[in-house]
Amino acid sequence: LLDEKKRAELAQGQAPFAVILGCSDSRVP
């Protein structure tokens, strides 16, 4: 979950460790 502390950290920037190019299907969150 994105709590207040985590949201504040992410507001400063992002460094995702992987890229996922997936289907829009609602059954694949």
mmCIF file of all heavy atoms, coordinates in Angstrom:
data_MODEL
# 
_entry.id   MODEL 
# 
loop_
_atom_site.group_PDB 
_atom_site.id 
_atom_site.type_symbol 
_atom_site.label_atom_id 
_atom_site.label_alt_id 
_atom_site.label_comp_id 
_atom_site.label_asym_id 
_atom_site.label_entity_id 
_atom_site.label_seq_id 
_atom_site.pdbx_PDB_ins_code 
_atom_site.Cartn_x 
_atom_site.Cartn_y 
_atom_site.Cartn_z 
_atom_site.occupancy 
_atom_site.B_iso_or_equiv 
_atom_site.pdbx_formal_charge 
_atom_site.auth_seq_id 
_atom_site.auth_comp_id 
_atom_site.auth_asym_id 
_atom_site.auth_atom_id 
_atom_site.pdbx_PDB_model_num 
ATOM 1   N N   . LEU A 1 1  ? 0.825   -1.199  0.000   1.00 0.00 ? 1  LEU A N   1 
ATOM 2   C CA  . LEU A 1 1  ? 0.000   0.000   0.000   1.00 0.00 ? 1  LEU A CA  1 
ATOM 3   C C   . LEU A 1 1  ? 0.868   1.261   0.000   1.00 0.00 ? 1  LEU A C   1 
ATOM 4   O O   . LEU A 1 1  ? 1.965   1.290   0.568   1.00 0.00 ? 1  LEU A O   1 
ATOM 5   C CB  . LEU A 1 1  ? -0.915  0.009   1.230   1.00 0.00 ? 1  LEU A CB  1 
ATOM 6   C CG  . LEU A 1 1  ? -1.956  -1.106  1.290   1.00 0.00 ? 1  LEU A CG  1 
ATOM 7   C CD1 . LEU A 1 1  ? -2.764  -1.000  2.581   1.00 0.00 ? 1  LEU A CD1 1 
ATOM 8   C CD2 . LEU A 1 1  ? -2.883  -1.043  0.082   1.00 0.00 ? 1  LEU A CD2 1 
ATOM 9   N N   . LEU A 1 2  ? 0.366   2.303   -0.622  1.00 0.00 ? 2  LEU A N   1 
ATOM 10  C CA  . LEU A 1 2  ? 1.087   3.572   -0.681  1.00 0.00 ? 2  LEU A CA  1 
ATOM 11  C C   . LEU A 1 2  ? 0.685   4.440   0.513   1.00 0.00 ? 2  LEU A C   1 
ATOM 12  O O   . LEU A 1 2  ? -0.295  5.184   0.448   1.00 0.00 ? 2  LEU A O   1 
ATOM 13  C CB  . LEU A 1 2  ? 0.764   4.293   -1.996  1.00 0.00 ? 2  LEU A CB  1 
ATOM 14  C CG  . LEU A 1 2  ? 1.397   3.736   -3.269  1.00 0.00 ? 2  LEU A CG  1 
ATOM 15  C CD1 . LEU A 1 2  ? 0.915   4.509   -4.485  1.00 0.00 ? 2  LEU A CD1 1 
ATOM 16  C CD2 . LEU A 1 2  ? 2.909   3.792   -3.186  1.00 0.00 ? 2  LEU A CD2 1 
ATOM 17  N N   . ASP A 1 3  ? 1.458   4.356   1.596   1.00 0.00 ? 3  ASP A N   1 
ATOM 18  C CA  . ASP A 1 3  ? 1.165   5.213   2.735   1.00 0.00 ? 3  ASP A CA  1 
ATOM 19  C C   . ASP A 1 3  ? 1.761   6.604   2.495   1.00 0.00 ? 3  ASP A C   1 
ATOM 20  O O   . ASP A 1 3  ? 2.410   6.864   1.474   1.00 0.00 ? 3  ASP A O   1 
ATOM 21  C CB  . ASP A 1 3  ? 1.695   4.606   4.030   1.00 0.00 ? 3  ASP A CB  1 
ATOM 22  C CG  . ASP A 1 3  ? 3.192   4.336   3.994   1.00 0.00 ? 3  ASP A CG  1 
ATOM 23  O OD1 . ASP A 1 3  ? 3.896   4.936   3.150   1.00 0.00 ? 3  ASP A OD1 1 
ATOM 24  O OD2 . ASP A 1 3  ? 3.666   3.533   4.804   1.00 0.00 ? 3  ASP A OD2 1 
ATOM 25  N N   . GLU A 1 4  ? 1.549   7.496   3.443   1.00 0.00 ? 4  GLU A N   1 
ATOM 26  C CA  . GLU A 1 4  ? 1.981   8.890   3.266   1.00 0.00 ? 4  GLU A CA  1 
ATOM 27  C C   . GLU A 1 4  ? 3.488   9.006   3.047   1.00 0.00 ? 4  GLU A C   1 
ATOM 28  O O   . GLU A 1 4  ? 3.949   9.765   2.187   1.00 0.00 ? 4  GLU A O   1 
ATOM 29  C CB  . GLU A 1 4  ? 1.564   9.712   4.489   1.00 0.00 ? 4  GLU A CB  1 
ATOM 30  C CG  . GLU A 1 4  ? 1.883   11.194  4.364   1.00 0.00 ? 4  GLU A CG  1 
ATOM 31  C CD  . GLU A 1 4  ? 1.401   11.995  5.556   1.00 0.00 ? 4  GLU A CD  1 
ATOM 32  O OE1 . GLU A 1 4  ? 0.757   11.403  6.451   1.00 0.00 ? 4  GLU A OE1 1 
ATOM 33  O OE2 . GLU A 1 4  ? 1.655   13.208  5.598   1.00 0.00 ? 4  GLU A OE2 1 
ATOM 34  N N   . LYS A 1 5  ? 4.250   8.244   3.795   1.00 0.00 ? 5  LYS A N   1 
ATOM 35  C CA  . LYS A 1 5  ? 5.707   8.289   3.668   1.00 0.00 ? 5  LYS A CA  1 
ATOM 36  C C   . LYS A 1 5  ? 6.154   7.824   2.279   1.00 0.00 ? 5  LYS A C   1 
ATOM 37  O O   . LYS A 1 5  ? 7.008   8.455   1.645   1.00 0.00 ? 5  LYS A O   1 
ATOM 38  C CB  . LYS A 1 5  ? 6.354   7.416   4.749   1.00 0.00 ? 5  LYS A CB  1 
ATOM 39  C CG  . LYS A 1 5  ? 7.877   7.402   4.685   1.00 0.00 ? 5  LYS A CG  1 
ATOM 40  C CD  . LYS A 1 5  ? 8.463   6.493   5.762   1.00 0.00 ? 5  LYS A CD  1 
ATOM 41  C CE  . LYS A 1 5  ? 9.980   6.448   5.661   1.00 0.00 ? 5  LYS A CE  1 
ATOM 42  N NZ  . LYS A 1 5  ? 10.562  5.533   6.688   1.00 0.00 ? 5  LYS A NZ  1 
ATOM 43  N N   . LYS A 1 6  ? 5.571   6.708   1.815   1.00 0.00 ? 6  LYS A N   1 
ATOM 44  C CA  . LYS A 1 6  ? 5.954   6.177   0.506   1.00 0.00 ? 6  LYS A CA  1 
ATOM 45  C C   . LYS A 1 6  ? 5.556   7.137   -0.608  1.00 0.00 ? 6  LYS A C   1 
ATOM 46  O O   . LYS A 1 6  ? 6.312   7.347   -1.560  1.00 0.00 ? 6  LYS A O   1 
ATOM 47  C CB  . LYS A 1 6  ? 5.276   4.808   0.291   1.00 0.00 ? 6  LYS A CB  1 
ATOM 48  C CG  . LYS A 1 6  ? 5.660   4.112   -1.007  1.00 0.00 ? 6  LYS A CG  1 
ATOM 49  C CD  . LYS A 1 6  ? 7.123   3.712   -1.020  1.00 0.00 ? 6  LYS A CD  1 
ATOM 50  C CE  . LYS A 1 6  ? 7.446   2.865   -2.240  1.00 0.00 ? 6  LYS A CE  1 
ATOM 51  N NZ  . LYS A 1 6  ? 8.865   2.474   -2.301  1.00 0.00 ? 6  LYS A NZ  1 
ATOM 52  N N   . ARG A 1 7  ? 4.376   7.732   -0.501  1.00 0.00 ? 7  ARG A N   1 
ATOM 53  C CA  . ARG A 1 7  ? 3.957   8.700   -1.516  1.00 0.00 ? 7  ARG A CA  1 
ATOM 54  C C   . ARG A 1 7  ? 4.902   9.889   -1.569  1.00 0.00 ? 7  ARG A C   1 
ATOM 55  O O   . ARG A 1 7  ? 5.233   10.391  -2.649  1.00 0.00 ? 7  ARG A O   1 
ATOM 56  C CB  . ARG A 1 7  ? 2.523   9.172   -1.249  1.00 0.00 ? 7  ARG A CB  1 
ATOM 57  C CG  . ARG A 1 7  ? 1.461   8.114   -1.487  1.00 0.00 ? 7  ARG A CG  1 
ATOM 58  C CD  . ARG A 1 7  ? 0.070   8.737   -1.577  1.00 0.00 ? 7  ARG A CD  1 
ATOM 59  N NE  . ARG A 1 7  ? -0.281  9.500   -0.373  1.00 0.00 ? 7  ARG A NE  1 
ATOM 60  C CZ  . ARG A 1 7  ? -0.871  8.967   0.699   1.00 0.00 ? 7  ARG A CZ  1 
ATOM 61  N NH1 . ARG A 1 7  ? -1.143  7.675   0.730   1.00 0.00 ? 7  ARG A NH1 1 
ATOM 62  N NH2 . ARG A 1 7  ? -1.179  9.718   1.751   1.00 0.00 ? 7  ARG A NH2 1 
ATOM 63  N N   . ALA A 1 8  ? 5.347   10.337  -0.403  1.00 0.00 ? 8  ALA A N   1 
ATOM 64  C CA  . ALA A 1 8  ? 6.281   11.465  -0.347  1.00 0.00 ? 8  ALA A CA  1 
ATOM 65  C C   . ALA A 1 8  ? 7.605   11.104  -1.010  1.00 0.00 ? 8  ALA A C   1 
ATOM 66  O O   . ALA A 1 8  ? 8.196   11.924  -1.739  1.00 0.00 ? 8  ALA A O   1 
ATOM 67  C CB  . ALA A 1 8  ? 6.513   11.881  1.109   1.00 0.00 ? 8  ALA A CB  1 
ATOM 68  N N   . GLU A 1 9  ? 8.071   9.878   -0.797  1.00 0.00 ? 9  GLU A N   1 
ATOM 69  C CA  . GLU A 1 9  ? 9.322   9.428   -1.431  1.00 0.00 ? 9  GLU A CA  1 
ATOM 70  C C   . GLU A 1 9  ? 9.185   9.390   -2.945  1.00 0.00 ? 9  GLU A C   1 
ATOM 71  O O   . GLU A 1 9  ? 10.060  9.868   -3.681  1.00 0.00 ? 9  GLU A O   1 
ATOM 72  C CB  . GLU A 1 9  ? 9.692   8.040   -0.914  1.00 0.00 ? 9  GLU A CB  1 
ATOM 73  C CG  . GLU A 1 9  ? 10.127  8.002   0.539   1.00 0.00 ? 9  GLU A CG  1 
ATOM 74  C CD  . GLU A 1 9  ? 10.363  6.583   1.012   1.00 0.00 ? 9  GLU A CD  1 
ATOM 75  O OE1 . GLU A 1 9  ? 10.158  5.633   0.218   1.00 0.00 ? 9  GLU A OE1 1 
ATOM 76  O OE2 . GLU A 1 9  ? 10.754  6.407   2.186   1.00 0.00 ? 9  GLU A OE2 1 
ATOM 77  N N   . LEU A 1 10 ? 8.066   8.829   -3.418  1.00 0.00 ? 10 LEU A N   1 
ATOM 78  C CA  . LEU A 1 10 ? 7.868   8.682   -4.855  1.00 0.00 ? 10 LEU A CA  1 
ATOM 79  C C   . LEU A 1 10 ? 7.645   10.016  -5.542  1.00 0.00 ? 10 LEU A C   1 
ATOM 80  O O   . LEU A 1 10 ? 7.913   10.158  -6.745  1.00 0.00 ? 10 LEU A O   1 
ATOM 81  C CB  . LEU A 1 10 ? 6.698   7.735   -5.130  1.00 0.00 ? 10 LEU A CB  1 
ATOM 82  C CG  . LEU A 1 10 ? 6.932   6.268   -4.765  1.00 0.00 ? 10 LEU A CG  1 
ATOM 83  C CD1 . LEU A 1 10 ? 5.667   5.457   -4.967  1.00 0.00 ? 10 LEU A CD1 1 
ATOM 84  C CD2 . LEU A 1 10 ? 8.076   5.688   -5.580  1.00 0.00 ? 10 LEU A CD2 1 
ATOM 85  N N   . ALA A 1 11 ? 7.156   11.001  -4.802  1.00 0.00 ? 11 ALA A N   1 
ATOM 86  C CA  . ALA A 1 11 ? 6.958   12.323  -5.380  1.00 0.00 ? 11 ALA A CA  1 
ATOM 87  C C   . ALA A 1 11 ? 8.289   12.956  -5.792  1.00 0.00 ? 11 ALA A C   1 
ATOM 88  O O   . ALA A 1 11 ? 8.324   13.848  -6.658  1.00 0.00 ? 11 ALA A O   1 
ATOM 89  C CB  . ALA A 1 11 ? 6.240   13.231  -4.394  1.00 0.00 ? 11 ALA A CB  1 
ATOM 90  N N   . GLN A 1 12 ? 9.385   12.457  -5.218  1.00 0.00 ? 12 GLN A N   1 
ATOM 91  C CA  . GLN A 1 12 ? 10.706  12.994  -5.540  1.00 0.00 ? 12 GLN A CA  1 
ATOM 92  C C   . GLN A 1 12 ? 11.329  12.339  -6.778  1.00 0.00 ? 12 GLN A C   1 
ATOM 93  O O   . GLN A 1 12 ? 12.323  12.819  -7.305  1.00 0.00 ? 12 GLN A O   1 
ATOM 94  C CB  . GLN A 1 12 ? 11.646  12.797  -4.341  1.00 0.00 ? 12 GLN A CB  1 
ATOM 95  C CG  . GLN A 1 12 ? 11.132  13.407  -3.048  1.00 0.00 ? 12 GLN A CG  1 
ATOM 96  C CD  . GLN A 1 12 ? 10.812  14.874  -3.180  1.00 0.00 ? 12 GLN A CD  1 
ATOM 97  O OE1 . GLN A 1 12 ? 11.616  15.646  -3.693  1.00 0.00 ? 12 GLN A OE1 1 
ATOM 98  N NE2 . GLN A 1 12 ? 9.625   15.264  -2.717  1.00 0.00 ? 12 GLN A NE2 1 
ATOM 99  N N   . GLY A 1 13 ? 10.768  11.231  -7.215  1.00 0.00 ? 13 GLY A N   1 
ATOM 100 C CA  . GLY A 1 13 ? 11.315  10.555  -8.390  1.00 0.00 ? 13 GLY A CA  1 
ATOM 101 C C   . GLY A 1 13 ? 11.003  9.068   -8.367  1.00 0.00 ? 13 GLY A C   1 
ATOM 102 O O   . GLY A 1 13 ? 10.474  8.545   -7.380  1.00 0.00 ? 13 GLY A O   1 
ATOM 103 N N   . GLN A 1 14 ? 11.335  8.412   -9.454  1.00 0.00 ? 14 GLN A N   1 
ATOM 104 C CA  . GLN A 1 14 ? 11.060  6.978   -9.558  1.00 0.00 ? 14 GLN A CA  1 
ATOM 105 C C   . GLN A 1 14 ? 12.232  6.245   -10.177 1.00 0.00 ? 14 GLN A C   1 
ATOM 106 O O   . GLN A 1 14 ? 12.984  6.809   -10.978 1.00 0.00 ? 14 GLN A O   1 
ATOM 107 C CB  . GLN A 1 14 ? 9.797   6.726   -10.388 1.00 0.00 ? 14 GLN A CB  1 
ATOM 108 C CG  . GLN A 1 14 ? 9.874   7.271   -11.818 1.00 0.00 ? 14 GLN A CG  1 
ATOM 109 C CD  . GLN A 1 14 ? 8.706   6.835   -12.682 1.00 0.00 ? 14 GLN A CD  1 
ATOM 110 O OE1 . GLN A 1 14 ? 8.222   5.713   -12.589 1.00 0.00 ? 14 GLN A OE1 1 
ATOM 111 N NE2 . GLN A 1 14 ? 8.246   7.749   -13.537 1.00 0.00 ? 14 GLN A NE2 1 
ATOM 112 N N   . ALA A 1 15 ? 12.373  4.985   -9.798  1.00 0.00 ? 15 ALA A N   1 
ATOM 113 C CA  . ALA A 1 15 ? 13.408  4.120   -10.366 1.00 0.00 ? 15 ALA A CA  1 
ATOM 114 C C   . ALA A 1 15 ? 12.867  2.700   -10.435 1.00 0.00 ? 15 ALA A C   1 
ATOM 115 O O   . ALA A 1 15 ? 13.328  1.804   -9.716  1.00 0.00 ? 15 ALA A O   1 
ATOM 116 C CB  . ALA A 1 15 ? 14.674  4.179   -9.528  1.00 0.00 ? 15 ALA A CB  1 
ATOM 117 N N   . PRO A 1 16 ? 11.853  2.454   -11.271 1.00 0.00 ? 16 PRO A N   1 
ATOM 118 C CA  . PRO A 1 16 ? 11.270  1.111   -11.361 1.00 0.00 ? 16 PRO A CA  1 
ATOM 119 C C   . PRO A 1 16 ? 12.305  0.091   -11.809 1.00 0.00 ? 16 PRO A C   1 
ATOM 120 O O   . PRO A 1 16 ? 13.088  0.359   -12.727 1.00 0.00 ? 16 PRO A O   1 
ATOM 121 C CB  . PRO A 1 16 ? 10.156  1.285   -12.401 1.00 0.00 ? 16 PRO A CB  1 
ATOM 122 C CG  . PRO A 1 16 ? 10.571  2.477   -13.209 1.00 0.00 ? 16 PRO A CG  1 
ATOM 123 C CD  . PRO A 1 16 ? 11.284  3.379   -12.259 1.00 0.00 ? 16 PRO A CD  1 
ATOM 124 N N   . PHE A 1 17 ? 12.303  -1.062  -11.158 1.00 0.00 ? 17 PHE A N   1 
ATOM 125 C CA  . PHE A 1 17 ? 13.336  -2.057  -11.470 1.00 0.00 ? 17 PHE A CA  1 
ATOM 126 C C   . PHE A 1 17 ? 13.008  -2.880  -12.704 1.00 0.00 ? 17 PHE A C   1 
ATOM 127 O O   . PHE A 1 17 ? 13.870  -3.591  -13.218 1.00 0.00 ? 17 PHE A O   1 
ATOM 128 C CB  . PHE A 1 17 ? 13.609  -2.957  -10.260 1.00 0.00 ? 17 PHE A CB  1 
ATOM 129 C CG  . PHE A 1 17 ? 12.517  -3.934  -9.911  1.00 0.00 ? 17 PHE A CG  1 
ATOM 130 C CD1 . PHE A 1 17 ? 12.419  -5.150  -10.579 1.00 0.00 ? 17 PHE A CD1 1 
ATOM 131 C CD2 . PHE A 1 17 ? 11.606  -3.658  -8.905  1.00 0.00 ? 17 PHE A CD2 1 
ATOM 132 C CE1 . PHE A 1 17 ? 11.428  -6.070  -10.248 1.00 0.00 ? 17 PHE A CE1 1 
ATOM 133 C CE2 . PHE A 1 17 ? 10.622  -4.560  -8.567  1.00 0.00 ? 17 PHE A CE2 1 
ATOM 134 C CZ  . PHE A 1 17 ? 10.521  -5.764  -9.245  1.00 0.00 ? 17 PHE A CZ  1 
ATOM 135 N N   . ALA A 1 18 ? 11.770  -2.805  -13.190 1.00 0.00 ? 18 ALA A N   1 
ATOM 136 C CA  . ALA A 1 18 ? 11.396  -3.560  -14.388 1.00 0.00 ? 18 ALA A CA  1 
ATOM 137 C C   . ALA A 1 18 ? 10.274  -2.839  -15.129 1.00 0.00 ? 18 ALA A C   1 
ATOM 138 O O   . ALA A 1 18 ? 9.494   -2.093  -14.539 1.00 0.00 ? 18 ALA A O   1 
ATOM 139 C CB  . ALA A 1 18 ? 10.962  -4.978  -14.031 1.00 0.00 ? 18 ALA A CB  1 
ATOM 140 N N   . VAL A 1 19 ? 10.221  -3.091  -16.415 1.00 0.00 ? 19 VAL A N   1 
ATOM 141 C CA  . VAL A 1 19 ? 9.146   -2.594  -17.278 1.00 0.00 ? 19 VAL A CA  1 
ATOM 142 C C   . VAL A 1 19 ? 8.263   -3.775  -17.647 1.00 0.00 ? 19 VAL A C   1 
ATOM 143 O O   . VAL A 1 19 ? 8.774   -4.818  -18.084 1.00 0.00 ? 19 VAL A O   1 
ATOM 144 C CB  . VAL A 1 19 ? 9.704   -1.961  -18.567 1.00 0.00 ? 19 VAL A CB  1 
ATOM 145 C CG1 . VAL A 1 19 ? 8.578   -1.407  -19.434 1.00 0.00 ? 19 VAL A CG1 1 
ATOM 146 C CG2 . VAL A 1 19 ? 10.729  -0.888  -18.250 1.00 0.00 ? 19 VAL A CG2 1 
ATOM 147 N N   . ILE A 1 20 ? 6.971   -3.625  -17.472 1.00 0.00 ? 20 ILE A N   1 
ATOM 148 C CA  . ILE A 1 20 ? 6.034   -4.675  -17.868 1.00 0.00 ? 20 ILE A CA  1 
ATOM 149 C C   . ILE A 1 20 ? 5.111   -4.115  -18.936 1.00 0.00 ? 20 ILE A C   1 
ATOM 150 O O   . ILE A 1 20 ? 4.360   -3.172  -18.696 1.00 0.00 ? 20 ILE A O   1 
ATOM 151 C CB  . ILE A 1 20 ? 5.168   -5.168  -16.681 1.00 0.00 ? 20 ILE A CB  1 
ATOM 152 C CG1 . ILE A 1 20 ? 6.022   -5.453  -15.439 1.00 0.00 ? 20 ILE A CG1 1 
ATOM 153 C CG2 . ILE A 1 20 ? 4.366   -6.395  -17.105 1.00 0.00 ? 20 ILE A CG2 1 
ATOM 154 C CD1 . ILE A 1 20 ? 6.969   -6.599  -15.573 1.00 0.00 ? 20 ILE A CD1 1 
ATOM 155 N N   . LEU A 1 21 ? 5.193   -4.693  -20.123 1.00 0.00 ? 21 LEU A N   1 
ATOM 156 C CA  . LEU A 1 21 ? 4.265   -4.334  -21.190 1.00 0.00 ? 21 LEU A CA  1 
ATOM 157 C C   . LEU A 1 21 ? 3.235   -5.446  -21.260 1.00 0.00 ? 21 LEU A C   1 
ATOM 158 O O   . LEU A 1 21 ? 3.501   -6.538  -21.749 1.00 0.00 ? 21 LEU A O   1 
ATOM 159 C CB  . LEU A 1 21 ? 4.995   -4.180  -22.532 1.00 0.00 ? 21 LEU A CB  1 
ATOM 160 C CG  . LEU A 1 21 ? 4.256   -3.430  -23.641 1.00 0.00 ? 21 LEU A CG  1 
ATOM 161 C CD1 . LEU A 1 21 ? 5.217   -3.045  -24.760 1.00 0.00 ? 21 LEU A CD1 1 
ATOM 162 C CD2 . LEU A 1 21 ? 3.098   -4.210  -24.217 1.00 0.00 ? 21 LEU A CD2 1 
ATOM 163 N N   . GLY A 1 22 ? 2.054   -5.174  -20.700 1.00 0.00 ? 22 GLY A N   1 
ATOM 164 C CA  . GLY A 1 22 ? 1.048   -6.217  -20.564 1.00 0.00 ? 22 GLY A CA  1 
ATOM 165 C C   . GLY A 1 22 ? -0.248  -5.886  -21.259 1.00 0.00 ? 22 GLY A C   1 
ATOM 166 O O   . GLY A 1 22 ? -0.424  -4.807  -21.826 1.00 0.00 ? 22 GLY A O   1 
ATOM 167 N N   . CYS A 1 23 ? -1.164  -6.819  -21.198 1.00 0.00 ? 23 CYS A N   1 
ATOM 168 C CA  . CYS A 1 23 ? -2.486  -6.657  -21.786 1.00 0.00 ? 23 CYS A CA  1 
ATOM 169 C C   . CYS A 1 23 ? -3.375  -5.851  -20.834 1.00 0.00 ? 23 CYS A C   1 
ATOM 170 O O   . CYS A 1 23 ? -3.195  -5.865  -19.618 1.00 0.00 ? 23 CYS A O   1 
ATOM 171 C CB  . CYS A 1 23 ? -3.113  -8.025  -22.058 1.00 0.00 ? 23 CYS A CB  1 
ATOM 172 S SG  . CYS A 1 23 ? -4.720  -7.964  -22.879 1.00 0.00 ? 23 CYS A SG  1 
ATOM 173 N N   . SER A 1 24 ? -4.357  -5.164  -21.397 1.00 0.00 ? 24 SER A N   1 
ATOM 174 C CA  . SER A 1 24 ? -5.285  -4.364  -20.591 1.00 0.00 ? 24 SER A CA  1 
ATOM 175 C C   . SER A 1 24 ? -6.312  -5.209  -19.844 1.00 0.00 ? 24 SER A C   1 
ATOM 176 O O   . SER A 1 24 ? -7.102  -4.657  -19.067 1.00 0.00 ? 24 SER A O   1 
ATOM 177 C CB  . SER A 1 24 ? -6.023  -3.365  -21.490 1.00 0.00 ? 24 SER A CB  1 
ATOM 178 O OG  . SER A 1 24 ? -5.128  -2.464  -22.081 1.00 0.00 ? 24 SER A OG  1 
ATOM 179 N N   . ASP A 1 25 ? -6.334  -6.500  -20.081 1.00 0.00 ? 25 ASP A N   1 
ATOM 180 C CA  . ASP A 1 25 ? -7.333  -7.379  -19.475 1.00 0.00 ? 25 ASP A CA  1 
ATOM 181 C C   . ASP A 1 25 ? -7.440  -7.148  -17.964 1.00 0.00 ? 25 ASP A C   1 
ATOM 182 O O   . ASP A 1 25 ? -6.430  -7.163  -17.245 1.00 0.00 ? 25 ASP A O   1 
ATOM 183 C CB  . ASP A 1 25 ? -6.956  -8.840  -19.751 1.00 0.00 ? 25 ASP A CB  1 
ATOM 184 C CG  . ASP A 1 25 ? -8.086  -9.801  -19.480 1.00 0.00 ? 25 ASP A CG  1 
ATOM 185 O OD1 . ASP A 1 25 ? -8.507  -9.895  -18.313 1.00 0.00 ? 25 ASP A OD1 1 
ATOM 186 O OD2 . ASP A 1 25 ? -8.549  -10.471 -20.420 1.00 0.00 ? 25 ASP A OD2 1 
ATOM 187 N N   . SER A 1 26 ? -8.665  -6.933  -17.487 1.00 0.00 ? 26 SER A N   1 
ATOM 188 C CA  . SER A 1 26 ? -8.885  -6.603  -16.081 1.00 0.00 ? 26 SER A CA  1 
ATOM 189 C C   . SER A 1 26 ? -8.517  -7.739  -15.131 1.00 0.00 ? 26 SER A C   1 
ATOM 190 O O   . SER A 1 26 ? -8.394  -7.537  -13.922 1.00 0.00 ? 26 SER A O   1 
ATOM 191 C CB  . SER A 1 26 ? -10.352 -6.216  -15.859 1.00 0.00 ? 26 SER A CB  1 
ATOM 192 O OG  . SER A 1 26 ? -11.208 -7.317  -16.144 1.00 0.00 ? 26 SER A OG  1 
ATOM 193 N N   . ARG A 1 27 ? -8.342  -8.943  -15.670 1.00 0.00 ? 27 ARG A N   1 
ATOM 194 C CA  . ARG A 1 27 ? -8.020  -10.100 -14.839 1.00 0.00 ? 27 ARG A CA  1 
ATOM 195 C C   . ARG A 1 27 ? -6.519  -10.265 -14.601 1.00 0.00 ? 27 ARG A C   1 
ATOM 196 O O   . ARG A 1 27 ? -6.094  -11.218 -13.940 1.00 0.00 ? 27 ARG A O   1 
ATOM 197 C CB  . ARG A 1 27 ? -8.578  -11.366 -15.480 1.00 0.00 ? 27 ARG A CB  1 
ATOM 198 C CG  . ARG A 1 27 ? -10.092 -11.360 -15.653 1.00 0.00 ? 27 ARG A CG  1 
ATOM 199 C CD  . ARG A 1 27 ? -10.558 -12.481 -16.565 1.00 0.00 ? 27 ARG A CD  1 
ATOM 200 N NE  . ARG A 1 27 ? -10.093 -12.291 -17.942 1.00 0.00 ? 27 ARG A NE  1 
ATOM 201 C CZ  . ARG A 1 27 ? -10.330 -13.136 -18.933 1.00 0.00 ? 27 ARG A CZ  1 
ATOM 202 N NH1 . ARG A 1 27 ? -11.017 -14.246 -18.680 1.00 0.00 ? 27 ARG A NH1 1 
ATOM 203 N NH2 . ARG A 1 27 ? -9.881  -12.880 -20.149 1.00 0.00 ? 27 ARG A NH2 1 
ATOM 204 N N   . VAL A 1 28 ? -5.731  -9.322  -15.133 1.00 0.00 ? 28 VAL A N   1 
ATOM 205 C CA  . VAL A 1 28 ? -4.272  -9.415  -15.004 1.00 0.00 ? 28 VAL A CA  1 
ATOM 206 C C   . VAL A 1 28 ? -3.740  -8.143  -14.336 1.00 0.00 ? 28 VAL A C   1 
ATOM 207 O O   . VAL A 1 28 ? -3.121  -7.296  -14.986 1.00 0.00 ? 28 VAL A O   1 
ATOM 208 C CB  . VAL A 1 28 ? -3.599  -9.624  -16.376 1.00 0.00 ? 28 VAL A CB  1 
ATOM 209 C CG1 . VAL A 1 28 ? -2.136  -10.016 -16.192 1.00 0.00 ? 28 VAL A CG1 1 
ATOM 210 C CG2 . VAL A 1 28 ? -4.321  -10.693 -17.185 1.00 0.00 ? 28 VAL A CG2 1 
ATOM 211 N N   . PRO A 1 29 ? -3.987  -7.978  -13.033 1.00 0.00 ? 29 PRO A N   1 
ATOM 212 C CA  . PRO A 1 29 ? -3.502  -6.788  -12.321 1.00 0.00 ? 29 PRO A CA  1 
ATOM 213 C C   . PRO A 1 29 ? -2.002  -6.912  -12.061 1.00 0.00 ? 29 PRO A C   1 
ATOM 214 O O   . PRO A 1 29 ? -1.572  -7.632  -11.153 1.00 0.00 ? 29 PRO A O   1 
ATOM 215 C CB  . PRO A 1 29 ? -4.311  -6.812  -11.019 1.00 0.00 ? 29 PRO A CB  1 
ATOM 216 C CG  . PRO A 1 29 ? -4.601  -8.261  -10.783 1.00 0.00 ? 29 PRO A CG  1 
ATOM 217 C CD  . PRO A 1 29 ? -4.729  -8.895  -12.145 1.00 0.00 ? 29 PRO A CD  1 
# 
